[in-house]
C-alpha atoms as a PDB file:
ATOM      1  CA  UNK A   1      94.327  99.614  75.612  1.00  0.00           C
ATOM      2  CA  UNK A   2      97.695 100.930  74.424  1.00  0.00           C
ATOM      3  CA  UNK A   3     100.405 100.413  77.049  1.00  0.00           C
ATOM      4  CA  UNK A   4     104.114 100.698  77.784  1.00  0.00           C
ATOM      5  CA  UNK A   5     106.373  98.514  79.885  1.00  0.00           C
ATOM      6  CA  UNK A   6     107.892  99.940  83.073  1.00  0.00           C
ATOM      7  CA  UNK A   7     110.836  99.011  85.271  1.00  0.00           C
ATOM      8  CA  UNK A   8     111.556  99.733  88.918  1.00  0.00           C
ATOM      9  CA  UNK A   9     113.951 102.676  89.219  1.00  0.00           C
ATOM     10  CA  UNK A  10     114.111 103.216  92.956  1.00  0.00           C
ATOM     11  CA  UNK A  11     112.486 103.062  96.365  1.00  0.00           C
ATOM     12  CA  UNK A  12     112.758 105.638  99.132  1.00  0.00           C
ATOM     13  CA  UNK A  13     111.089 106.724 102.374  1.00  0.00           C
ATOM     14  CA  UNK A  14     108.423 109.408 101.985  1.00  0.00           C
ATOM     15  CA  UNK A  15     109.371 112.594 103.822  1.00  0.00           C
ATOM     16  CA  UNK A  16     105.810 113.924 103.728  1.00  0.00           C
ATOM     17  CA  UNK A  17     103.764 110.835 104.688  1.00  0.00           C
ATOM     18  CA  UNK A  18     104.873 108.855 107.746  1.00  0.00           C
ATOM     19  CA  UNK A  19     105.065 105.090 107.217  1.00  0.00           C
ATOM     20  CA  UNK A  20     104.820 105.454 103.442  1.00  0.00           C
ATOM     21  CA  UNK A  21     107.406 104.913 100.729  1.00  0.00           C
ATOM     22  CA  UNK A  22     107.846 106.249  97.215  1.00  0.00           C
ATOM     23  CA  UNK A  23     108.401 103.693  94.486  1.00  0.00           C
ATOM     24  CA  UNK A  24     109.615 105.162  91.209  1.00  0.00           C
ATOM     25  CA  UNK A  25     108.768 103.283  88.038  1.00  0.00           C
ATOM     26  CA  UNK A  26     110.235 104.348  84.709  1.00  0.00           C
ATOM     27  CA  UNK A  27     109.666 103.574  81.045  1.00  0.00           C
ATOM     28  CA  UNK A  28     111.877 100.776  79.727  1.00  0.00           C
ATOM     29  CA  UNK A  29     112.317 102.853  76.570  1.00  0.00           C
ATOM     30  CA  UNK A  30     111.780 106.476  77.440  1.00  0.00           C
ATOM     31  CA  UNK A  31     112.339 109.153  80.068  1.00  0.00           C
ATOM     32  CA  UNK A  32     109.003 109.385  81.892  1.00  0.00           C
ATOM     33  CA  UNK A  33     108.802 108.232  85.510  1.00  0.00           C
ATOM     34  CA  UNK A  34     105.835 107.398  87.748  1.00  0.00           C
ATOM     35  CA  UNK A  35     106.370 108.079  91.461  1.00  0.00           C
ATOM     36  CA  UNK A  36     103.891 105.956  93.418  1.00  0.00           C
ATOM     37  CA  UNK A  37     103.175 105.964  97.158  1.00  0.00           C
ATOM     38  CA  UNK A  38     103.171 102.452  98.664  1.00  0.00           C
ATOM     39  CA  UNK A  39     102.822 101.031 102.166  1.00  0.00           C
ATOM     40  CA  UNK A  40     105.676  99.974 104.428  1.00  0.00           C
ATOM     41  CA  UNK A  41     105.059  96.204 104.164  1.00  0.00           C
ATOM     42  CA  UNK A  42     105.019  96.406 100.356  1.00  0.00           C
ATOM     43  CA  UNK A  43     108.228  98.471 100.352  1.00  0.00           C
ATOM     44  CA  UNK A  44     109.842  95.945 102.709  1.00  0.00           C
ATOM     45  CA  UNK A  45     108.971  93.042 100.385  1.00  0.00           C
ATOM     46  CA  UNK A  46     110.204  94.896  97.294  1.00  0.00           C
ATOM     47  CA  UNK A  47     113.480  95.810  99.025  1.00  0.00           C
ATOM     48  CA  UNK A  48     114.067  92.195 100.126  1.00  0.00           C
ATOM     49  CA  UNK A  49     113.460  90.898  96.608  1.00  0.00           C
ATOM     50  CA  UNK A  50     115.573  93.560  94.896  1.00  0.00           C
ATOM     51  CA  UNK A  51     118.457  92.838  97.292  1.00  0.00           C
ATOM     52  CA  UNK A  52     117.877  89.067  96.914  1.00  0.00           C
ATOM     53  CA  UNK A  53     117.640  88.599 100.703  1.00  0.00           C
ATOM     54  CA  UNK A  54     116.161  85.273 101.850  1.00  0.00           C
ATOM     55  CA  UNK A  55     113.808  85.145 104.828  1.00  0.00           C
ATOM     56  CA  UNK A  56     112.842  82.119 106.937  1.00  0.00           C
ATOM     57  CA  UNK A  57     109.074  82.772 106.895  1.00  0.00           C
ATOM     58  CA  UNK A  58     107.750  83.162 103.342  1.00  0.00           C
ATOM     59  CA  UNK A  59     105.902  86.439 102.697  1.00  0.00           C
ATOM     60  CA  UNK A  60     102.281  86.215 101.512  1.00  0.00           C
ATOM     61  CA  UNK A  61     103.233  86.945  97.902  1.00  0.00           C
ATOM     62  CA  UNK A  62     105.535  83.915  97.862  1.00  0.00           C
ATOM     63  CA  UNK A  63     102.748  81.798  99.394  1.00  0.00           C
ATOM     64  CA  UNK A  64     100.375  82.964  96.632  1.00  0.00           C
ATOM     65  CA  UNK A  65     102.974  82.004  94.022  1.00  0.00           C
ATOM     66  CA  UNK A  66     103.385  78.545  95.583  1.00  0.00           C
ATOM     67  CA  UNK A  67      99.604  78.054  95.425  1.00  0.00           C
ATOM     68  CA  UNK A  68      99.309  79.157  91.793  1.00  0.00           C
ATOM     69  CA  UNK A  69     102.338  77.015  90.841  1.00  0.00           C
ATOM     70  CA  UNK A  70     100.601  74.007  92.412  1.00  0.00           C
ATOM     71  CA  UNK A  71      97.480  74.798  90.370  1.00  0.00           C
ATOM     72  CA  UNK A  72      99.575  75.243  87.211  1.00  0.00           C
ATOM     73  CA  UNK A  73      98.512  78.862  86.958  1.00  0.00           C
ATOM     74  CA  UNK A  74     100.696  81.867  86.247  1.00  0.00           C
ATOM     75  CA  UNK A  75     100.399  85.582  86.814  1.00  0.00           C
ATOM     76  CA  UNK A  76     101.783  86.921  83.550  1.00  0.00           C
ATOM     77  CA  UNK A  77     101.260  90.710  83.689  1.00  0.00           C
ATOM     78  CA  UNK A  78     100.177  93.628  85.794  1.00  0.00           C
ATOM     79  CA  UNK A  79      98.608  96.694  84.209  1.00  0.00           C
ATOM     80  CA  UNK A  80      98.294 100.153  85.728  1.00  0.00           C
ATOM     81  CA  UNK A  81      94.944 101.051  84.175  1.00  0.00           C
ATOM     82  CA  UNK A  82      94.037 104.514  85.433  1.00  0.00           C
ATOM     83  CA  UNK A  83      94.627 107.164  88.055  1.00  0.00           C
ATOM     84  CA  UNK A  84      91.844 108.997  89.853  1.00  0.00           C
ATOM     85  CA  UNK A  85      92.297 111.630  92.560  1.00  0.00           C
ATOM     86  CA  UNK A  86      96.003 110.716  92.670  1.00  0.00           C
ATOM     87  CA  UNK A  87      95.245 107.016  93.340  1.00  0.00           C
ATOM     88  CA  UNK A  88      96.650 104.461  90.894  1.00  0.00           C
ATOM     89  CA  UNK A  89      94.471 101.488  89.951  1.00  0.00           C
ATOM     90  CA  UNK A  90      95.815  98.244  88.547  1.00  0.00           C
ATOM     91  CA  UNK A  91      94.815  94.792  87.358  1.00  0.00           C
ATOM     92  CA  UNK A  92      96.705  91.512  87.459  1.00  0.00           C
ATOM     93  CA  UNK A  93      96.373  88.992  84.626  1.00  0.00           C
ATOM     94  CA  UNK A  94      96.431  85.297  85.472  1.00  0.00           C
ATOM     95  CA  UNK A  95      96.221  82.211  83.249  1.00  0.00           C
ATOM     96  CA  UNK A  96      95.729  78.539  84.052  1.00  0.00           C
ATOM     97  CA  UNK A  97      96.708  77.124  80.626  1.00  0.00           C
ATOM     98  CA  UNK A  98      93.018  77.155  79.568  1.00  0.00           C
ATOM     99  CA  UNK A  99      91.580  80.528  80.538  1.00  0.00           C
ATOM    100  CA  UNK A 100      92.846  84.001  81.342  1.00  0.00           C
ATOM    101  CA  UNK A 101      91.515  86.079  84.224  1.00  0.00           C
ATOM    102  CA  UNK A 102      91.900  89.715  85.292  1.00  0.00           C
ATOM    103  CA  UNK A 103      91.603  90.904  88.886  1.00  0.00           C
ATOM    104  CA  UNK A 104      91.644  94.379  90.410  1.00  0.00           C
ATOM    105  CA  UNK A 105      94.594  94.824  92.743  1.00  0.00           C
ATOM    106  CA  UNK A 106      96.076  97.649  94.792  1.00  0.00           C
ATOM    107  CA  UNK A 107      99.113  99.158  93.098  1.00  0.00           C
ATOM    108  CA  UNK A 108     101.544  98.167  95.868  1.00  0.00           C
ATOM    109  CA  UNK A 109     100.374  94.546  95.918  1.00  0.00           C
ATOM    110  CA  UNK A 110     100.475  94.421  92.111  1.00  0.00           C
ATOM    111  CA  UNK A 111     104.114  95.567  92.045  1.00  0.00           C
ATOM    112  CA  UNK A 112     105.014  92.969  94.703  1.00  0.00           C
ATOM    113  CA  UNK A 113     103.319  90.256  92.643  1.00  0.00           C
ATOM    114  CA  UNK A 114     105.156  91.377  89.497  1.00  0.00           C
ATOM    115  CA  UNK A 115     108.471  90.959  91.299  1.00  0.00           C
ATOM    116  CA  UNK A 116     107.458  87.591  92.742  1.00  0.00           C
ATOM    117  CA  UNK A 117     106.306  86.243  89.366  1.00  0.00           C
ATOM    118  CA  UNK A 118     108.985  88.107  87.390  1.00  0.00           C
ATOM    119  CA  UNK A 119     106.279  89.398  85.056  1.00  0.00           C
ATOM    120  CA  UNK A 120     106.133  92.736  83.240  1.00  0.00           C
ATOM    121  CA  UNK A 121     104.672  95.905  84.726  1.00  0.00           C
ATOM    122  CA  UNK A 122     102.691  97.754  82.083  1.00  0.00           C
ATOM    123  CA  UNK A 123     100.925 101.109  82.181  1.00  0.00           C
ATOM    124  CA  UNK A 124      98.126 102.591  80.120  1.00  0.00           C
ATOM    125  CA  UNK A 125      99.809 105.259  77.947  1.00  0.00           C
ATOM    126  CA  UNK A 126      97.117 107.767  78.956  1.00  0.00           C
ATOM    127  CA  UNK A 127      98.147 107.379  82.613  1.00  0.00           C
ATOM    128  CA  UNK A 128     101.823 107.774  81.759  1.00  0.00           C
ATOM    129  CA  UNK A 129     101.244 110.859  79.627  1.00  0.00           C
ATOM    130  CA  UNK A 130      98.974 112.523  82.194  1.00  0.00           C
ATOM    131  CA  UNK A 131     100.926 111.922  85.423  1.00  0.00           C
ATOM    132  CA  UNK A 132     104.400 110.811  84.349  1.00  0.00           C
ATOM    133  CA  UNK A 133     107.268 113.206  85.040  1.00  0.00           C
ATOM    134  CA  UNK A 134     110.651 113.716  83.451  1.00  0.00           C
ATOM    135  CA  UNK A 135     113.576 112.998  85.784  1.00  0.00           C
ATOM    136  CA  UNK A 136     116.880 111.155  85.773  1.00  0.00           C
ATOM    137  CA  UNK A 137     117.186 107.609  87.138  1.00  0.00           C
ATOM    138  CA  UNK A 138     118.923 109.176  90.164  1.00  0.00           C
ATOM    139  CA  UNK A 139     115.780 111.184  90.968  1.00  0.00           C
ATOM    140  CA  UNK A 140     117.172 114.530  89.845  1.00  0.00           C
ATOM    141  CA  UNK A 141     115.295 117.017  87.672  1.00  0.00           C
ATOM    142  CA  UNK A 142     117.313 119.500  85.632  1.00  0.00           C
ATOM    143  CA  UNK A 143     115.990 122.924  84.593  1.00  0.00           C
ATOM    144  CA  UNK A 144     114.860 121.765  81.144  1.00  0.00           C
ATOM    145  CA  UNK A 145     113.005 118.754  82.630  1.00  0.00           C
ATOM    146  CA  UNK A 146     111.444 121.015  85.278  1.00  0.00           C
ATOM    147  CA  UNK A 147     110.123 123.352  82.578  1.00  0.00           C
ATOM    148  CA  UNK A 148     108.812 120.435  80.480  1.00  0.00           C
ATOM    149  CA  UNK A 149     107.087 118.928  83.538  1.00  0.00           C
ATOM    150  CA  UNK A 150     105.509 122.276  84.327  1.00  0.00           C
ATOM    151  CA  UNK A 151     104.220 122.727  80.766  1.00  0.00           C
ATOM    152  CA  UNK A 152     102.724 119.225  80.451  1.00  0.00           C
ATOM    153  CA  UNK A 153      99.042 118.574  81.108  1.00  0.00           C
ATOM    154  CA  UNK A 154      98.432 117.221  84.622  1.00  0.00           C
ATOM    155  CA  UNK A 155      95.530 114.996  85.601  1.00  0.00           C
ATOM    156  CA  UNK A 156      96.107 114.237  89.288  1.00  0.00           C
ATOM    157  CA  UNK A 157      92.647 115.535  90.231  1.00  0.00           C
ATOM    158  CA  UNK A 158      90.412 114.025  87.616  1.00  0.00           C
ATOM    159  CA  UNK A 159      87.084 115.865  87.636  1.00  0.00           C
ATOM    160  CA  UNK A 160      84.639 113.318  88.990  1.00  0.00           C
ATOM    161  CA  UNK A 161      81.246 114.027  90.427  1.00  0.00           C
ATOM    162  CA  UNK A 162      80.193 112.915  93.906  1.00  0.00           C
ATOM    163  CA  UNK A 163      78.233 109.966  92.512  1.00  0.00           C
ATOM    164  CA  UNK A 164      81.341 108.640  90.704  1.00  0.00           C
ATOM    165  CA  UNK A 165      83.387 109.014  93.866  1.00  0.00           C
ATOM    166  CA  UNK A 166      80.750 107.198  95.950  1.00  0.00           C
ATOM    167  CA  UNK A 167      80.916 104.290  93.485  1.00  0.00           C
ATOM    168  CA  UNK A 168      84.727 104.229  93.832  1.00  0.00           C
ATOM    169  CA  UNK A 169      84.347 104.389  97.628  1.00  0.00           C
ATOM    170  CA  UNK A 170      82.079 101.318  97.663  1.00  0.00           C
ATOM    171  CA  UNK A 171      84.518  99.433  95.421  1.00  0.00           C
ATOM    172  CA  UNK A 172      87.443 100.313  97.713  1.00  0.00           C
ATOM    173  CA  UNK A 173      85.487  99.119 100.771  1.00  0.00           C
ATOM    174  CA  UNK A 174      84.539  95.834  99.082  1.00  0.00           C
ATOM    175  CA  UNK A 175      88.227  95.291  98.211  1.00  0.00           C
ATOM    176  CA  UNK A 176      89.207  96.198 101.800  1.00  0.00           C
ATOM    177  CA  UNK A 177      91.367  99.075 100.534  1.00  0.00           C
ATOM    178  CA  UNK A 178      90.624 101.182 103.594  1.00  0.00           C
ATOM    179  CA  UNK A 179      93.336 103.775 103.038  1.00  0.00           C
ATOM    180  CA  UNK A 180      92.064 104.480  99.529  1.00  0.00           C
ATOM    181  CA  UNK A 181      88.494 104.509 100.867  1.00  0.00           C
ATOM    182  CA  UNK A 182      89.390 107.126 103.476  1.00  0.00           C
ATOM    183  CA  UNK A 183      91.012 109.350 100.834  1.00  0.00           C
ATOM    184  CA  UNK A 184      87.933 109.076  98.606  1.00  0.00           C
ATOM    185  CA  UNK A 185      85.625 109.743 101.582  1.00  0.00           C
ATOM    186  CA  UNK A 186      87.632 112.866 102.466  1.00  0.00           C
ATOM    187  CA  UNK A 187      87.340 114.086  98.864  1.00  0.00           C
ATOM    188  CA  UNK A 188      83.555 113.508  98.894  1.00  0.00           C
ATOM    189  CA  UNK A 189      83.229 115.493 102.141  1.00  0.00           C
ATOM    190  CA  UNK A 190      85.362 118.298 100.685  1.00  0.00           C
ATOM    191  CA  UNK A 191      83.245 118.440  97.523  1.00  0.00           C
ATOM    192  CA  UNK A 192      79.981 118.457  99.499  1.00  0.00           C
ATOM    193  CA  UNK A 193      81.257 121.297 101.693  1.00  0.00           C
ATOM    194  CA  UNK A 194      82.210 123.347  98.623  1.00  0.00           C
ATOM    195  CA  UNK A 195      78.771 122.840  97.051  1.00  0.00           C
ATOM    196  CA  UNK A 196      76.930 124.078 100.185  1.00  0.00           C
END
C-alpha cells in the first residue's frame, strides 16, 4: 500500500459537534490536510503531550508504553488505511524484535499512541487524495485552494451496500467502538428507509 507521512498541524474544539475536537494532520511534504474528528479524552492527551505537560497519574497510553517497553516490544508506525462513510480506519504496527503485528485501532487512539511512541503517522495515498483538502497550516483556505478543493473528487460517502455496512457495524461492536457503530447503524436505517 503506497503511503505518505503526516504531521500534526493543529487541534481545535468542534463548533458543530459538542464534546468533539478537530485534529488536523498535514503532509510532511505537501499541502494536503486531513481534518479528523476525535473525542475529548484523546484531544486532552494530545494537547498535554504537545505542550509537554506532566501529570501525576499516567494516562492509559503511557501505561501501554510502559508494558510494551517491559516486554521489549515497540509500536513503530500507525497507518490510516481507509475512510468509509466519513469514518477513518487505522492500524498500529508493533514489533517484539522477532515478529511484527498489526492491530485495528480507532483513529483517535492511534494518533495518541503515535505521540506516545514518537512513531510516524502514515496515510494510504488513496485516502489522502480522496478526502484531503488544501489549506494553510493556520487553517485558512484562499480562493484558489477553495476552487481546487471544490474541483477535486470527494469520497466521504463511499457507496457501500447494506450488507457491507452491517459487516462494518459488527466489527465496530466487537472493537467496542460504539460511536462509530451508532453512525453506521444510522446510515443502515437511512438506506433501508430510502429503499422502501
